[in-house]
N, C-alpha and C. Protein backbone atom coordinates (compact mmCIF):
# COMPACT_ATOMS: atom_id res chain seq x y z
N MET A 1 0.56 -1.12 0.06
CA MET A 1 0.30 0.05 -0.04
C MET A 1 0.98 1.33 -0.07
N PRO A 2 0.47 2.11 -0.96
CA PRO A 2 1.50 3.38 -0.88
C PRO A 2 1.60 4.35 0.20
N ALA A 3 2.12 4.73 0.67
CA ALA A 3 2.57 5.60 1.94
C ALA A 3 2.01 7.10 1.68
N THR A 4 1.22 7.36 2.99
CA THR A 4 0.53 8.68 2.58
C THR A 4 1.43 10.11 2.61
N LYS A 5 1.50 11.23 2.45
CA LYS A 5 2.11 12.33 2.06
C LYS A 5 2.03 12.79 3.67
N LYS A 6 0.71 12.79 4.00
CA LYS A 6 1.00 13.24 5.75
C LYS A 6 -0.25 12.63 6.63
N GLN A 7 0.01 12.35 7.60
CA GLN A 7 -1.05 11.26 8.81
C GLN A 7 -2.47 11.97 8.98
N LEU A 8 -3.42 11.50 8.87
CA LEU A 8 -4.83 11.74 9.57
C LEU A 8 -4.58 11.96 10.55
N SER A 9 -5.51 12.52 11.37
CA SER A 9 -5.61 12.57 12.44
C SER A 9 -7.23 11.97 12.51
N LYS A 10 -7.20 11.33 14.14
CA LYS A 10 -8.52 10.87 14.32
C LYS A 10 -9.55 11.95 14.02
N PHE A 11 -10.47 11.19 13.72
CA PHE A 11 -12.02 12.13 13.35
C PHE A 11 -12.50 11.85 14.93
N GLU A 12 -12.97 13.20 15.48
CA GLU A 12 -14.20 13.31 16.23
C GLU A 12 -15.96 12.58 16.37
N SER A 13 -16.18 12.40 14.87
CA SER A 13 -17.14 11.83 14.61
C SER A 13 -17.14 11.31 13.16
N GLU A 14 -18.49 10.59 12.77
CA GLU A 14 -18.14 9.85 11.71
C GLU A 14 -18.82 10.94 10.99
N ASP A 15 -19.70 11.77 11.31
CA ASP A 15 -19.89 13.28 10.92
C ASP A 15 -19.08 14.16 10.51
N SER A 16 -17.85 14.47 11.16
CA SER A 16 -16.53 15.44 11.18
C SER A 16 -16.08 14.46 9.57
N GLU A 17 -15.89 13.23 9.92
CA GLU A 17 -15.15 12.44 8.74
C GLU A 17 -15.79 12.35 7.81
N ARG A 18 -16.88 12.23 7.28
CA ARG A 18 -17.89 12.35 6.44
C ARG A 18 -17.60 14.09 5.69
N LYS A 19 -17.54 14.96 6.18
CA LYS A 19 -17.14 16.11 5.76
C LYS A 19 -15.67 16.76 5.36
N PHE A 20 -14.95 15.60 5.95
CA PHE A 20 -13.42 16.02 5.59
C PHE A 20 -13.80 15.30 4.09
N TRP A 21 -14.01 13.90 4.05
CA TRP A 21 -14.04 12.89 2.86
C TRP A 21 -14.82 13.73 1.71
N ALA A 22 -15.52 14.95 2.09
CA ALA A 22 -16.63 15.37 0.78
C ALA A 22 -15.91 16.51 0.37
N THR A 23 -14.92 16.94 1.24
CA THR A 23 -14.23 18.29 0.44
C THR A 23 -12.36 18.15 0.27
N THR A 24 -11.98 16.97 0.37
CA THR A 24 -10.81 16.25 0.40
C THR A 24 -10.72 15.32 -0.88
N ASP A 25 -9.56 15.83 -1.77
CA ASP A 25 -9.28 15.12 -2.30
C ASP A 25 -8.27 13.99 -2.16
N SER A 26 -8.52 12.48 -2.17
CA SER A 26 -7.88 11.84 -1.41
C SER A 26 -6.41 11.54 -2.12
N THR A 27 -6.73 11.76 -3.75
CA THR A 27 -5.11 11.22 -4.33
C THR A 27 -4.02 12.14 -3.95
N GLU A 28 -4.34 13.22 -3.25
CA GLU A 28 -3.35 14.10 -2.56
C GLU A 28 -2.81 13.72 -1.41
N LEU A 29 -3.49 12.68 -0.82
CA LEU A 29 -2.58 12.48 0.30
C LEU A 29 -1.96 10.93 -0.02
N ILE A 30 -1.84 10.77 -0.86
CA ILE A 30 -1.18 9.19 -1.65
C ILE A 30 0.34 9.67 -2.09
N ASP A 31 1.48 9.24 -1.59
CA ASP A 31 2.84 9.50 -2.20
C ASP A 31 2.62 8.15 -3.42
N TRP A 32 2.35 8.76 -4.69
CA TRP A 32 2.08 7.58 -5.84
C TRP A 32 3.83 7.27 -6.22
N LYS A 33 4.55 8.23 -6.02
CA LYS A 33 6.36 7.40 -6.08
C LYS A 33 6.72 6.30 -5.09
N SER A 34 5.86 5.81 -4.20
CA SER A 34 6.32 5.03 -3.33
C SER A 34 5.34 3.55 -3.47
N GLY A 35 4.27 3.76 -4.43
CA GLY A 35 3.51 2.82 -4.96
C GLY A 35 4.05 1.42 -5.49
N VAL A 36 3.50 0.13 -5.21
CA VAL A 36 4.07 -0.91 -5.61
C VAL A 36 3.24 -1.23 -6.88
N SER A 37 3.92 -1.67 -7.89
CA SER A 37 2.56 -2.38 -9.22
C SER A 37 2.18 -3.79 -8.56
N ARG A 38 1.16 -4.01 -8.33
CA ARG A 38 0.44 -5.23 -7.81
C ARG A 38 -0.28 -6.21 -9.17
N LYS A 39 -0.57 -7.65 -9.22
CA LYS A 39 -0.91 -8.30 -9.66
C LYS A 39 -2.09 -9.16 -8.95
N PHE A 40 -3.15 -8.87 -9.73
CA PHE A 40 -4.13 -9.92 -8.86
C PHE A 40 -4.59 -11.11 -9.52
N PRO A 41 -3.67 -12.65 -9.69
CA PRO A 41 -4.29 -13.82 -10.60
C PRO A 41 -5.52 -14.31 -10.10
N ASN A 42 -5.87 -13.86 -9.23
CA ASN A 42 -6.97 -14.74 -8.93
C ASN A 42 -8.44 -13.90 -9.35
N LEU A 43 -8.25 -13.11 -9.83
CA LEU A 43 -9.32 -12.08 -10.36
C LEU A 43 -9.91 -12.83 -11.60
N LYS A 44 -11.31 -12.99 -12.00
CA LYS A 44 -11.98 -13.35 -13.01
C LYS A 44 -11.98 -12.47 -14.02
N PRO A 45 -11.47 -12.67 -15.36
CA PRO A 45 -11.64 -11.16 -16.01
C PRO A 45 -12.80 -11.27 -16.56
N THR A 46 -13.00 -9.79 -17.15
CA THR A 46 -14.03 -9.42 -18.03
C THR A 46 -14.27 -10.17 -19.43
N LEU A 47 -14.97 -11.43 -19.30
CA LEU A 47 -15.53 -11.66 -20.71
C LEU A 47 -16.50 -11.08 -21.77
N ARG A 48 -15.48 -11.24 -23.04
CA ARG A 48 -16.58 -10.82 -24.04
C ARG A 48 -16.59 -11.90 -24.91
N THR A 49 -17.98 -12.02 -25.78
CA THR A 49 -18.22 -13.13 -26.53
C THR A 49 -17.83 -12.79 -27.85
N ILE A 50 -17.30 -13.51 -28.76
CA ILE A 50 -17.00 -13.14 -30.09
C ILE A 50 -17.41 -14.44 -30.56
N SER A 51 -17.73 -14.48 -32.10
CA SER A 51 -17.80 -14.95 -33.24
C SER A 51 -16.98 -15.18 -33.93
N LEU A 52 -16.30 -16.42 -34.14
CA LEU A 52 -15.32 -16.72 -34.84
C LEU A 52 -15.73 -17.79 -35.39
N ARG A 53 -15.36 -17.95 -36.78
CA ARG A 53 -15.18 -18.99 -38.00
C ARG A 53 -13.89 -19.44 -37.95
N LEU A 54 -14.38 -20.62 -37.83
CA LEU A 54 -13.01 -21.67 -38.36
C LEU A 54 -13.03 -22.80 -38.54
N PRO A 55 -12.54 -23.57 -39.82
CA PRO A 55 -12.89 -24.74 -40.51
C PRO A 55 -13.18 -25.66 -39.79
N VAL A 56 -14.46 -26.62 -40.36
CA VAL A 56 -14.67 -27.57 -39.97
C VAL A 56 -13.37 -28.54 -38.97
N TYR A 57 -12.40 -28.89 -39.99
CA TYR A 57 -11.44 -29.86 -39.09
C TYR A 57 -11.05 -29.51 -38.11
N MET A 58 -10.31 -27.90 -38.09
CA MET A 58 -9.90 -27.45 -37.01
C MET A 58 -10.68 -27.83 -35.83
N ILE A 59 -11.98 -27.56 -35.97
CA ILE A 59 -12.83 -27.89 -34.66
C ILE A 59 -12.72 -29.12 -34.29
N GLU A 60 -12.96 -29.78 -35.09
CA GLU A 60 -13.02 -31.66 -35.17
C GLU A 60 -12.05 -31.70 -34.24
N ASP A 61 -10.58 -31.16 -34.72
CA ASP A 61 -9.13 -31.58 -34.27
C ASP A 61 -9.11 -30.97 -32.59
N LEU A 62 -9.56 -29.99 -32.39
CA LEU A 62 -9.98 -29.44 -30.88
C LEU A 62 -10.87 -30.39 -30.18
N LYS A 63 -11.83 -30.39 -30.62
CA LYS A 63 -12.83 -31.41 -29.65
C LYS A 63 -12.50 -32.60 -29.46
N VAL A 64 -11.67 -33.24 -30.41
CA VAL A 64 -10.96 -34.42 -30.47
C VAL A 64 -9.66 -34.06 -28.83
N MET A 65 -9.11 -33.40 -29.27
CA MET A 65 -7.64 -33.01 -28.12
C MET A 65 -8.11 -32.72 -26.60
N ALA A 66 -9.68 -31.82 -26.78
CA ALA A 66 -10.10 -31.61 -25.46
C ALA A 66 -10.78 -32.80 -24.81
N ASN A 67 -11.17 -33.92 -25.29
CA ASN A 67 -11.94 -34.67 -25.24
C ASN A 67 -10.87 -35.63 -24.62
N LYS A 68 -9.55 -35.79 -24.97
CA LYS A 68 -8.87 -36.55 -24.66
C LYS A 68 -7.88 -35.76 -22.92
N ARG A 69 -7.81 -34.58 -23.17
CA ARG A 69 -7.77 -33.79 -21.94
C ARG A 69 -9.06 -33.75 -20.96
N ASP A 70 -10.14 -34.12 -21.15
CA ASP A 70 -11.24 -34.35 -20.43
C ASP A 70 -11.94 -32.73 -19.86
N VAL A 71 -11.57 -31.46 -20.68
CA VAL A 71 -11.80 -30.19 -20.75
C VAL A 71 -12.82 -30.26 -22.24
N PRO A 72 -13.83 -28.56 -22.06
CA PRO A 72 -14.61 -28.23 -22.86
C PRO A 72 -13.47 -28.00 -24.03
N TYR A 73 -14.06 -28.24 -25.37
CA TYR A 73 -12.96 -27.68 -26.27
C TYR A 73 -12.96 -26.33 -26.23
N GLN A 74 -14.19 -25.37 -25.92
CA GLN A 74 -14.04 -23.68 -25.99
C GLN A 74 -12.73 -23.37 -24.45
N SER A 75 -12.83 -24.17 -23.59
CA SER A 75 -11.72 -23.58 -22.65
C SER A 75 -10.25 -24.18 -23.32
N LEU A 76 -10.28 -25.43 -24.19
CA LEU A 76 -8.85 -25.84 -24.82
C LEU A 76 -8.47 -24.83 -25.72
N LEU A 77 -9.28 -24.22 -26.26
CA LEU A 77 -8.81 -22.88 -27.41
C LEU A 77 -8.58 -21.87 -26.53
N LYS A 78 -9.13 -21.33 -25.48
CA LYS A 78 -9.05 -20.13 -24.76
C LYS A 78 -7.26 -20.60 -24.15
N VAL A 79 -7.13 -21.45 -23.79
CA VAL A 79 -5.59 -21.99 -23.55
C VAL A 79 -4.51 -21.89 -24.46
N PHE A 80 -5.12 -22.74 -25.42
CA PHE A 80 -4.22 -22.51 -26.67
C PHE A 80 -3.64 -20.73 -27.30
N LEU A 81 -4.93 -20.60 -27.48
CA LEU A 81 -4.78 -18.82 -27.60
C LEU A 81 -3.64 -18.08 -26.60
N ALA A 82 -4.29 -18.25 -25.35
CA ALA A 82 -3.20 -17.30 -24.15
C ALA A 82 -2.00 -17.75 -24.39
N ASP A 83 -1.75 -19.29 -24.39
CA ASP A 83 -0.52 -19.53 -24.94
C ASP A 83 0.63 -18.87 -25.66
N ARG A 84 -0.21 -18.77 -27.18
CA ARG A 84 0.45 -18.24 -28.12
C ARG A 84 0.75 -16.67 -27.94
N LEU A 85 -0.24 -16.00 -27.17
CA LEU A 85 -0.23 -14.98 -27.05
C LEU A 85 0.81 -14.57 -25.95
N ASP A 86 1.03 -15.37 -24.93
CA ASP A 86 2.02 -14.66 -24.38
C ASP A 86 3.65 -15.25 -25.29
N GLN A 87 3.49 -16.12 -26.06
CA GLN A 87 4.95 -15.90 -26.77
C GLN A 87 5.09 -15.45 -27.40
N GLU A 88 4.27 -14.52 -28.09
CA GLU A 88 4.19 -13.48 -28.77
C GLU A 88 4.53 -11.99 -28.53
N ARG A 89 4.27 -11.90 -27.02
CA ARG A 89 4.56 -10.76 -26.28
C ARG A 89 6.15 -11.00 -25.85
N ARG A 90 6.28 -11.92 -25.45
CA ARG A 90 7.57 -12.47 -24.97
C ARG A 90 9.15 -11.85 -26.13
N ARG A 91 7.92 -12.16 -27.17
CA ARG A 91 9.18 -11.97 -28.66
C ARG A 91 9.45 -10.74 -28.97
N LEU A 92 8.09 -10.09 -29.16
CA LEU A 92 8.30 -8.45 -29.05
C LEU A 92 8.91 -7.85 -27.93
């Protein structure tokens, strides 16, 4: 968690805290230079449905491979695509 530029004092009441945050820009209280980049690998990514036209033989081959791995063929396709995207990112 990034360090704050100045420490906040304790509020006298919930109302005083509410008034403070209503008039204060919280981004001015954060030391952005001390921030650390984080990854959240367990978050589920936002999904978008697409339409993809593939030759029948590719779909059949994919279904056979997926069946051998006991996974849905669309899931296997996502794994293959993710692996290839990772390879391409590293190459660049």
